[in-house]
Amino acid sequence: MKEFLIVDGYNVINGWPELKALAQESLEHARIKLLDILVNYRGVTGWHTIVVFDAHYVKGYAERNEIYQGIEVIYSRENETADSVIERFVHLNRDERIYVVTSDWEEQQIVFGSGACRLSVRQLREDVMQAEKDIDSRKSSFSMRTLESRISEEVRTVMESWRRAK
């Protein structure tokens, strides 16, 4: 069974203080920052990740899908909300395990009723932060396994002088 994480992009941007502040300067930069965060999170979870952005106010806009570093990005078409795209996806993929990220209470109820798991924007932020801490601890744990990290600076200096003397 495939596991999906489907994210209401603007809902998350407006729900995370650092992304909301960035969006005040540049909505495009906030979208890219969110996508970069989710690319890293996908690396930890292994979930197929889909981010949906509203484009329903853009005249004549057709739905557009693209791949950004391994995650799928969907821009809804004119007169269609991200919620509608998410609901359709959940309905068409009922047999899969789907986590929907939104803080919209009504949307949470709809997708939960369709068999998806709901995940609040706040919970995703906490999960992402924990995943980043786990990655950092693995990195420091890995660096402690190198020979260089286990010898003193004095010994390293002597060995370096021997190496350069050849």
N, C-alpha and C. Protein backbone atom coordinates (compact mmCIF):
# COMPACT_ATOMS: atom_id res chain seq x y z
N MET A 1 0.84 -1.18 0.00
CA MET A 1 0.00 0.00 0.00
C MET A 1 0.89 1.24 0.00
N LYS A 2 0.62 2.13 -0.94
CA LYS A 2 1.36 3.38 -1.05
C LYS A 2 0.88 4.35 0.03
N GLU A 3 1.80 5.16 0.53
CA GLU A 3 1.43 6.19 1.50
C GLU A 3 1.63 7.56 0.86
N PHE A 4 0.61 8.39 0.99
CA PHE A 4 0.63 9.73 0.39
C PHE A 4 0.51 10.78 1.48
N LEU A 5 1.23 11.86 1.27
CA LEU A 5 1.07 13.06 2.07
C LEU A 5 0.59 14.12 1.09
N ILE A 6 -0.63 14.61 1.28
CA ILE A 6 -1.16 15.64 0.39
C ILE A 6 -1.37 16.91 1.22
N VAL A 7 -0.77 17.99 0.76
CA VAL A 7 -0.66 19.21 1.54
C VAL A 7 -1.38 20.36 0.86
N ASP A 8 -2.23 21.05 1.62
CA ASP A 8 -2.84 22.29 1.15
C ASP A 8 -1.78 23.38 1.33
N GLY A 9 -1.09 23.72 0.24
CA GLY A 9 0.09 24.57 0.30
C GLY A 9 -0.11 25.93 0.96
N TYR A 10 -1.12 26.67 0.52
CA TYR A 10 -1.31 28.01 1.09
C TYR A 10 -1.79 27.93 2.53
N ASN A 11 -2.50 26.88 2.88
CA ASN A 11 -2.94 26.67 4.25
C ASN A 11 -1.72 26.51 5.17
N VAL A 12 -0.73 25.75 4.71
CA VAL A 12 0.48 25.56 5.49
C VAL A 12 1.29 26.85 5.54
N ILE A 13 1.44 27.52 4.41
CA ILE A 13 2.20 28.78 4.39
C ILE A 13 1.60 29.77 5.39
N ASN A 14 0.28 29.87 5.43
CA ASN A 14 -0.36 30.80 6.37
C ASN A 14 -0.38 30.30 7.80
N GLY A 15 -0.09 29.02 8.01
CA GLY A 15 -0.11 28.44 9.35
C GLY A 15 1.25 28.34 10.02
N TRP A 16 2.33 28.49 9.25
CA TRP A 16 3.67 28.44 9.83
C TRP A 16 4.20 29.86 9.90
N PRO A 17 4.54 30.36 11.08
CA PRO A 17 4.97 31.75 11.22
C PRO A 17 6.11 32.15 10.29
N GLU A 18 7.12 31.29 10.15
CA GLU A 18 8.27 31.65 9.31
C GLU A 18 7.89 31.71 7.83
N LEU A 19 6.98 30.85 7.40
CA LEU A 19 6.54 30.88 6.00
C LEU A 19 5.59 32.04 5.75
N LYS A 20 4.76 32.34 6.73
CA LYS A 20 3.82 33.45 6.60
C LYS A 20 4.59 34.77 6.48
N ALA A 21 5.64 34.93 7.30
CA ALA A 21 6.46 36.14 7.23
C ALA A 21 7.16 36.23 5.88
N LEU A 22 7.66 35.11 5.38
CA LEU A 22 8.31 35.10 4.08
C LEU A 22 7.33 35.43 2.97
N ALA A 23 6.09 34.95 3.09
CA ALA A 23 5.06 35.22 2.08
C ALA A 23 4.72 36.71 2.01
N GLN A 24 4.89 37.43 3.10
CA GLN A 24 4.64 38.87 3.09
C GLN A 24 5.63 39.57 2.16
N GLU A 25 6.84 39.01 2.07
CA GLU A 25 7.86 39.57 1.18
C GLU A 25 7.71 39.03 -0.23
N SER A 26 7.52 37.70 -0.33
CA SER A 26 7.45 37.06 -1.65
C SER A 26 6.71 35.73 -1.51
N LEU A 27 5.53 35.67 -2.09
CA LEU A 27 4.76 34.43 -2.05
C LEU A 27 5.50 33.31 -2.77
N GLU A 28 6.18 33.64 -3.86
CA GLU A 28 6.95 32.64 -4.61
C GLU A 28 8.04 32.03 -3.75
N HIS A 29 8.76 32.88 -2.99
CA HIS A 29 9.82 32.36 -2.11
C HIS A 29 9.23 31.49 -1.00
N ALA A 30 8.08 31.85 -0.49
CA ALA A 30 7.43 31.04 0.54
C ALA A 30 7.03 29.68 -0.02
N ARG A 31 6.52 29.66 -1.26
CA ARG A 31 6.17 28.37 -1.89
C ARG A 31 7.41 27.50 -2.05
N ILE A 32 8.49 28.08 -2.53
CA ILE A 32 9.72 27.31 -2.74
C ILE A 32 10.28 26.80 -1.42
N LYS A 33 10.25 27.64 -0.39
CA LYS A 33 10.73 27.22 0.94
C LYS A 33 9.91 26.04 1.45
N LEU A 34 8.58 26.12 1.31
CA LEU A 34 7.72 25.01 1.73
C LEU A 34 8.07 23.75 0.95
N LEU A 35 8.23 23.87 -0.35
CA LEU A 35 8.56 22.70 -1.17
C LEU A 35 9.91 22.11 -0.76
N ASP A 36 10.89 22.95 -0.48
CA ASP A 36 12.20 22.44 -0.04
C ASP A 36 12.09 21.70 1.29
N ILE A 37 11.30 22.23 2.20
CA ILE A 37 11.08 21.57 3.49
C ILE A 37 10.44 20.20 3.27
N LEU A 38 9.44 20.16 2.40
CA LEU A 38 8.73 18.90 2.17
C LEU A 38 9.57 17.89 1.39
N VAL A 39 10.48 18.36 0.56
CA VAL A 39 11.41 17.45 -0.13
C VAL A 39 12.25 16.72 0.92
N ASN A 40 12.77 17.45 1.88
CA ASN A 40 13.57 16.84 2.95
C ASN A 40 12.72 15.90 3.80
N TYR A 41 11.52 16.32 4.11
CA TYR A 41 10.63 15.49 4.93
C TYR A 41 10.27 14.20 4.20
N ARG A 42 10.07 14.30 2.90
CA ARG A 42 9.79 13.10 2.09
C ARG A 42 10.96 12.12 2.17
N GLY A 43 12.17 12.65 2.22
CA GLY A 43 13.35 11.80 2.35
C GLY A 43 13.34 10.98 3.63
N VAL A 44 12.75 11.53 4.68
CA VAL A 44 12.67 10.83 5.96
C VAL A 44 11.50 9.84 5.99
N THR A 45 10.35 10.27 5.50
CA THR A 45 9.14 9.44 5.60
C THR A 45 9.01 8.43 4.46
N GLY A 46 9.51 8.80 3.29
CA GLY A 46 9.33 7.95 2.12
C GLY A 46 7.97 8.07 1.49
N TRP A 47 7.12 8.95 2.02
CA TRP A 47 5.77 9.12 1.50
C TRP A 47 5.80 9.84 0.15
N HIS A 48 4.91 9.42 -0.74
CA HIS A 48 4.70 10.15 -1.99
C HIS A 48 4.02 11.46 -1.59
N THR A 49 4.65 12.58 -1.89
CA THR A 49 4.18 13.88 -1.41
C THR A 49 3.59 14.70 -2.54
N ILE A 50 2.42 15.27 -2.28
CA ILE A 50 1.72 16.12 -3.24
C ILE A 50 1.37 17.42 -2.53
N VAL A 51 1.71 18.54 -3.15
CA VAL A 51 1.36 19.85 -2.60
C VAL A 51 0.40 20.51 -3.57
N VAL A 52 -0.72 20.99 -3.05
CA VAL A 52 -1.74 21.62 -3.89
C VAL A 52 -1.84 23.10 -3.53
N PHE A 53 -1.74 23.94 -4.57
CA PHE A 53 -1.89 25.39 -4.40
C PHE A 53 -3.15 25.84 -5.14
N ASP A 54 -3.87 26.76 -4.52
CA ASP A 54 -5.05 27.35 -5.16
C ASP A 54 -4.62 28.25 -6.30
N ALA A 55 -5.30 28.14 -7.42
CA ALA A 55 -5.14 29.11 -8.51
C ALA A 55 -6.54 29.47 -9.01
N HIS A 56 -7.55 29.23 -8.16
CA HIS A 56 -8.93 29.39 -8.62
C HIS A 56 -9.33 30.83 -8.91
N TYR A 57 -8.55 31.80 -8.46
CA TYR A 57 -8.88 33.20 -8.76
C TYR A 57 -8.19 33.70 -10.04
N VAL A 58 -7.36 32.87 -10.63
CA VAL A 58 -6.62 33.27 -11.82
C VAL A 58 -7.48 32.99 -13.05
N LYS A 59 -7.84 34.03 -13.76
CA LYS A 59 -8.71 33.90 -14.94
C LYS A 59 -8.08 33.01 -16.00
N GLY A 60 -8.87 32.05 -16.47
CA GLY A 60 -8.45 31.19 -17.57
C GLY A 60 -7.37 30.19 -17.22
N TYR A 61 -7.10 30.00 -15.94
CA TYR A 61 -6.01 29.11 -15.53
C TYR A 61 -6.46 27.66 -15.57
N ALA A 62 -5.71 26.83 -16.26
CA ALA A 62 -5.98 25.40 -16.32
C ALA A 62 -5.13 24.72 -15.25
N GLU A 63 -5.62 23.61 -14.72
CA GLU A 63 -4.85 22.88 -13.71
C GLU A 63 -3.49 22.52 -14.27
N ARG A 64 -2.47 22.70 -13.44
CA ARG A 64 -1.10 22.43 -13.86
C ARG A 64 -0.42 21.54 -12.82
N ASN A 65 0.24 20.51 -13.30
CA ASN A 65 1.00 19.62 -12.43
C ASN A 65 2.47 19.70 -12.81
N GLU A 66 3.33 19.65 -11.83
CA GLU A 66 4.76 19.62 -12.09
C GLU A 66 5.43 18.80 -10.99
N ILE A 67 6.65 18.40 -11.26
CA ILE A 67 7.43 17.67 -10.26
C ILE A 67 8.55 18.60 -9.79
N TYR A 68 8.68 18.74 -8.48
CA TYR A 68 9.72 19.57 -7.88
C TYR A 68 10.57 18.66 -6.99
N GLN A 69 11.74 18.33 -7.45
CA GLN A 69 12.69 17.49 -6.71
C GLN A 69 12.01 16.26 -6.09
N GLY A 70 11.19 15.61 -6.87
CA GLY A 70 10.58 14.36 -6.43
C GLY A 70 9.21 14.47 -5.80
N ILE A 71 8.73 15.69 -5.58
CA ILE A 71 7.37 15.81 -5.07
C ILE A 71 6.48 16.43 -6.14
N GLU A 72 5.22 16.02 -6.11
CA GLU A 72 4.27 16.51 -7.11
C GLU A 72 3.64 17.81 -6.62
N VAL A 73 3.57 18.79 -7.51
CA VAL A 73 2.97 20.08 -7.19
C VAL A 73 1.80 20.28 -8.15
N ILE A 74 0.64 20.57 -7.58
CA ILE A 74 -0.56 20.78 -8.38
C ILE A 74 -1.08 22.20 -8.12
N TYR A 75 -1.33 22.93 -9.20
CA TYR A 75 -2.00 24.23 -9.10
C TYR A 75 -3.41 24.01 -9.62
N SER A 76 -4.41 24.32 -8.80
CA SER A 76 -5.80 24.09 -9.21
C SER A 76 -6.17 24.99 -10.39
N ARG A 77 -7.19 24.61 -11.09
CA ARG A 77 -7.63 25.42 -12.24
C ARG A 77 -8.55 26.54 -11.75
N GLU A 78 -8.87 27.43 -12.66
CA GLU A 78 -9.78 28.53 -12.36
C GLU A 78 -11.08 27.98 -11.79
N ASN A 79 -11.61 28.62 -10.77
CA ASN A 79 -12.86 28.25 -10.10
C ASN A 79 -12.80 26.91 -9.38
N GLU A 80 -11.61 26.43 -9.07
CA GLU A 80 -11.47 25.19 -8.30
C GLU A 80 -10.50 25.45 -7.16
N THR A 81 -10.89 25.08 -5.96
CA THR A 81 -10.03 25.29 -4.80
C THR A 81 -9.09 24.12 -4.60
N ALA A 82 -8.07 24.34 -3.79
CA ALA A 82 -7.16 23.25 -3.41
C ALA A 82 -7.95 22.16 -2.69
N ASP A 83 -8.94 22.57 -1.87
CA ASP A 83 -9.77 21.60 -1.17
C ASP A 83 -10.46 20.64 -2.15
N SER A 84 -10.95 21.16 -3.25
CA SER A 84 -11.62 20.32 -4.24
C SER A 84 -10.66 19.32 -4.86
N VAL A 85 -9.45 19.77 -5.15
CA VAL A 85 -8.43 18.88 -5.73
C VAL A 85 -8.10 17.78 -4.72
N ILE A 86 -7.93 18.15 -3.47
CA ILE A 86 -7.60 17.18 -2.41
C ILE A 86 -8.74 16.18 -2.24
N GLU A 87 -9.96 16.67 -2.17
CA GLU A 87 -11.11 15.77 -2.02
C GLU A 87 -11.20 14.78 -3.17
N ARG A 88 -10.97 15.25 -4.38
CA ARG A 88 -11.02 14.38 -5.55
C ARG A 88 -9.93 13.30 -5.47
N PHE A 89 -8.73 13.71 -5.09
CA PHE A 89 -7.63 12.77 -4.97
C PHE A 89 -7.94 11.69 -3.92
N VAL A 90 -8.44 12.12 -2.77
CA VAL A 90 -8.77 11.17 -1.70
C VAL A 90 -9.84 10.19 -2.18
N HIS A 91 -10.85 10.71 -2.85
CA HIS A 91 -11.92 9.85 -3.35
C HIS A 91 -11.41 8.83 -4.36
N LEU A 92 -10.52 9.25 -5.26
CA LEU A 92 -10.01 8.35 -6.30
C LEU A 92 -8.97 7.35 -5.79
N ASN A 93 -8.41 7.61 -4.62
CA ASN A 93 -7.34 6.76 -4.09
C ASN A 93 -7.70 6.20 -2.71
N ARG A 94 -8.95 5.84 -2.53
CA ARG A 94 -9.45 5.37 -1.23
C ARG A 94 -8.70 4.16 -0.67
N ASP A 95 -8.12 3.35 -1.55
CA ASP A 95 -7.45 2.14 -1.10
C ASP A 95 -6.03 2.37 -0.62
N GLU A 96 -5.56 3.59 -0.72
CA GLU A 96 -4.21 3.93 -0.30
C GLU A 96 -4.26 4.61 1.07
N ARG A 97 -3.12 4.67 1.74
CA ARG A 97 -3.04 5.40 3.00
C ARG A 97 -2.69 6.84 2.66
N ILE A 98 -3.57 7.76 3.01
CA ILE A 98 -3.41 9.16 2.65
C ILE A 98 -3.48 10.03 3.91
N TYR A 99 -2.49 10.89 4.06
CA TYR A 99 -2.47 11.88 5.13
C TYR A 99 -2.71 13.23 4.48
N VAL A 100 -3.73 13.93 4.92
CA VAL A 100 -4.06 15.24 4.37
C VAL A 100 -3.69 16.30 5.39
N VAL A 101 -2.89 17.29 4.95
CA VAL A 101 -2.47 18.36 5.83
C VAL A 101 -3.25 19.61 5.50
N THR A 102 -4.09 20.01 6.46
CA THR A 102 -4.84 21.26 6.36
C THR A 102 -5.30 21.62 7.77
N SER A 103 -5.46 22.90 8.03
CA SER A 103 -6.03 23.31 9.31
C SER A 103 -7.50 23.71 9.13
N ASP A 104 -8.01 23.55 7.94
CA ASP A 104 -9.40 23.83 7.63
C ASP A 104 -10.26 22.71 8.23
N TRP A 105 -11.02 23.02 9.28
CA TRP A 105 -11.78 22.02 10.02
C TRP A 105 -12.78 21.28 9.13
N GLU A 106 -13.48 22.00 8.28
CA GLU A 106 -14.46 21.37 7.40
C GLU A 106 -13.77 20.40 6.44
N GLU A 107 -12.65 20.81 5.90
CA GLU A 107 -11.89 19.94 4.99
C GLU A 107 -11.39 18.70 5.71
N GLN A 108 -10.94 18.87 6.94
CA GLN A 108 -10.48 17.72 7.73
C GLN A 108 -11.61 16.70 7.89
N GLN A 109 -12.80 17.19 8.17
CA GLN A 109 -13.94 16.29 8.36
C GLN A 109 -14.29 15.55 7.06
N ILE A 110 -14.25 16.26 5.95
CA ILE A 110 -14.59 15.65 4.66
C ILE A 110 -13.61 14.55 4.31
N VAL A 111 -12.31 14.83 4.40
CA VAL A 111 -11.32 13.82 4.02
C VAL A 111 -11.27 12.67 5.03
N PHE A 112 -11.51 12.99 6.30
CA PHE A 112 -11.55 11.94 7.31
C PHE A 112 -12.72 11.00 7.02
N GLY A 113 -13.85 11.57 6.62
CA GLY A 113 -15.01 10.77 6.26
C GLY A 113 -14.79 9.93 5.02
N SER A 114 -13.82 10.32 4.19
CA SER A 114 -13.52 9.57 2.97
C SER A 114 -12.43 8.53 3.19
N GLY A 115 -11.94 8.42 4.42
CA GLY A 115 -10.96 7.39 4.73
C GLY A 115 -9.53 7.86 4.86
N ALA A 116 -9.28 9.14 4.64
CA ALA A 116 -7.92 9.66 4.78
C ALA A 116 -7.65 10.00 6.24
N CYS A 117 -6.39 10.11 6.57
CA CYS A 117 -5.98 10.56 7.89
C CYS A 117 -5.75 12.06 7.83
N ARG A 118 -6.20 12.76 8.82
CA ARG A 118 -6.00 14.20 8.82
C ARG A 118 -4.78 14.53 9.67
N LEU A 119 -4.08 15.53 9.24
CA LEU A 119 -2.90 15.99 9.94
C LEU A 119 -2.96 17.51 9.96
N SER A 120 -2.93 18.09 11.13
CA SER A 120 -3.03 19.55 11.21
C SER A 120 -1.73 20.18 10.73
N VAL A 121 -1.82 21.43 10.36
CA VAL A 121 -0.65 22.19 9.93
C VAL A 121 0.36 22.25 11.06
N ARG A 122 -0.11 22.45 12.27
CA ARG A 122 0.78 22.51 13.44
C ARG A 122 1.50 21.18 13.66
N GLN A 123 0.75 20.06 13.50
CA GLN A 123 1.36 18.74 13.69
C GLN A 123 2.42 18.45 12.63
N LEU A 124 2.15 18.85 11.39
CA LEU A 124 3.15 18.66 10.35
C LEU A 124 4.41 19.45 10.69
N ARG A 125 4.24 20.67 11.15
CA ARG A 125 5.40 21.50 11.52
C ARG A 125 6.21 20.82 12.62
N GLU A 126 5.53 20.28 13.63
CA GLU A 126 6.22 19.58 14.71
C GLU A 126 6.94 18.33 14.19
N ASP A 127 6.29 17.59 13.31
CA ASP A 127 6.89 16.38 12.73
C ASP A 127 8.12 16.73 11.90
N VAL A 128 8.03 17.80 11.11
CA VAL A 128 9.16 18.24 10.29
C VAL A 128 10.32 18.66 11.18
N MET A 129 10.04 19.41 12.23
CA MET A 129 11.09 19.87 13.14
C MET A 129 11.76 18.67 13.83
N GLN A 130 10.96 17.67 14.21
CA GLN A 130 11.53 16.47 14.84
C GLN A 130 12.39 15.70 13.86
N ALA A 131 11.94 15.60 12.62
CA ALA A 131 12.71 14.91 11.59
C ALA A 131 14.05 15.61 11.36
N GLU A 132 14.04 16.95 11.37
CA GLU A 132 15.28 17.71 11.20
C GLU A 132 16.24 17.45 12.36
N LYS A 133 15.71 17.37 13.58
CA LYS A 133 16.55 17.06 14.75
C LYS A 133 17.14 15.66 14.62
N ASP A 134 16.33 14.71 14.17
CA ASP A 134 16.81 13.33 13.99
C ASP A 134 17.93 13.28 12.97
N ILE A 135 17.77 14.02 11.88
CA ILE A 135 18.80 14.05 10.84
C ILE A 135 20.09 14.65 11.41
N ASP A 136 19.96 15.76 12.15
CA ASP A 136 21.13 16.40 12.74
C ASP A 136 21.85 15.46 13.71
N SER A 137 21.09 14.71 14.51
CA SER A 137 21.74 13.80 15.47
C SER A 137 22.43 12.66 14.74
N ARG A 138 21.84 12.20 13.64
CA ARG A 138 22.50 11.14 12.85
C ARG A 138 23.79 11.66 12.24
N LYS A 139 23.77 12.92 11.78
CA LYS A 139 24.97 13.50 11.20
C LYS A 139 26.08 13.58 12.24
N SER A 140 25.76 14.05 13.45
CA SER A 140 26.80 14.17 14.47
C SER A 140 27.25 12.80 14.93
N SER A 141 26.35 11.84 14.98
CA SER A 141 26.71 10.48 15.34
C SER A 141 27.65 9.90 14.30
N PHE A 142 27.38 10.17 13.03
CA PHE A 142 28.23 9.68 11.95
C PHE A 142 29.61 10.31 12.02
N SER A 143 29.66 11.61 12.28
CA SER A 143 30.96 12.29 12.31
C SER A 143 31.82 11.78 13.46
N MET A 144 31.21 11.25 14.52
CA MET A 144 31.98 10.71 15.63
C MET A 144 32.62 9.37 15.28
N ARG A 145 32.25 8.79 14.17
CA ARG A 145 32.82 7.49 13.77
C ARG A 145 34.08 7.64 12.93
N THR A 146 34.46 8.83 12.59
CA THR A 146 35.65 9.00 11.77
C THR A 146 36.89 9.00 12.65
N LEU A 147 38.00 8.57 12.09
CA LEU A 147 39.26 8.55 12.84
C LEU A 147 39.65 9.96 13.27
N GLU A 148 39.48 10.91 12.37
CA GLU A 148 39.87 12.28 12.65
C GLU A 148 39.14 12.84 13.88
N SER A 149 37.89 12.47 14.07
CA SER A 149 37.13 13.00 15.19
C SER A 149 37.53 12.37 16.52
N ARG A 150 38.30 11.26 16.48
CA ARG A 150 38.65 10.57 17.72
C ARG A 150 40.08 10.81 18.18
N ILE A 151 40.83 11.59 17.43
CA ILE A 151 42.20 11.88 17.87
C ILE A 151 42.32 13.35 18.22
N SER A 152 43.28 13.62 19.07
CA SER A 152 43.44 15.00 19.56
C SER A 152 44.00 15.91 18.46
N GLU A 153 43.86 17.17 18.69
CA GLU A 153 44.37 18.17 17.75
C GLU A 153 45.90 18.07 17.65
N GLU A 154 46.56 17.79 18.76
CA GLU A 154 48.02 17.67 18.79
C GLU A 154 48.48 16.51 17.90
N VAL A 155 47.82 15.36 18.00
CA VAL A 155 48.18 14.20 17.18
C VAL A 155 47.89 14.49 15.71
N ARG A 156 46.78 15.15 15.43
CA ARG A 156 46.46 15.50 14.05
C ARG A 156 47.53 16.40 13.45
N THR A 157 48.02 17.34 14.23
CA THR A 157 49.06 18.26 13.77
C THR A 157 50.35 17.51 13.44
N VAL A 158 50.73 16.59 14.30
CA VAL A 158 51.94 15.80 14.07
C VAL A 158 51.77 14.95 12.81
N MET A 159 50.63 14.31 12.66
CA MET A 159 50.39 13.46 11.49
C MET A 159 50.37 14.30 10.21
N GLU A 160 49.82 15.48 10.30
CA GLU A 160 49.79 16.37 9.13
C GLU A 160 51.21 16.79 8.75
N SER A 161 52.06 17.05 9.73
CA SER A 161 53.45 17.42 9.43
C SER A 161 54.19 16.25 8.79
N TRP A 162 53.91 15.02 9.23
CA TRP A 162 54.53 13.84 8.61
C TRP A 162 54.07 13.72 7.15
N ARG A 163 52.77 13.95 6.94
CA ARG A 163 52.23 13.82 5.58
C ARG A 163 52.88 14.84 4.65
N ARG A 164 53.05 16.03 5.11
CA ARG A 164 53.62 17.09 4.27
C ARG A 164 55.13 16.93 4.07
N ALA A 165 55.80 16.19 4.96
CA ALA A 165 57.25 16.01 4.88
C ALA A 165 57.64 15.10 3.73
N LYS A 166 56.73 14.29 3.21
CA LYS A 166 57.07 13.34 2.13
C LYS A 166 57.28 14.03 0.85
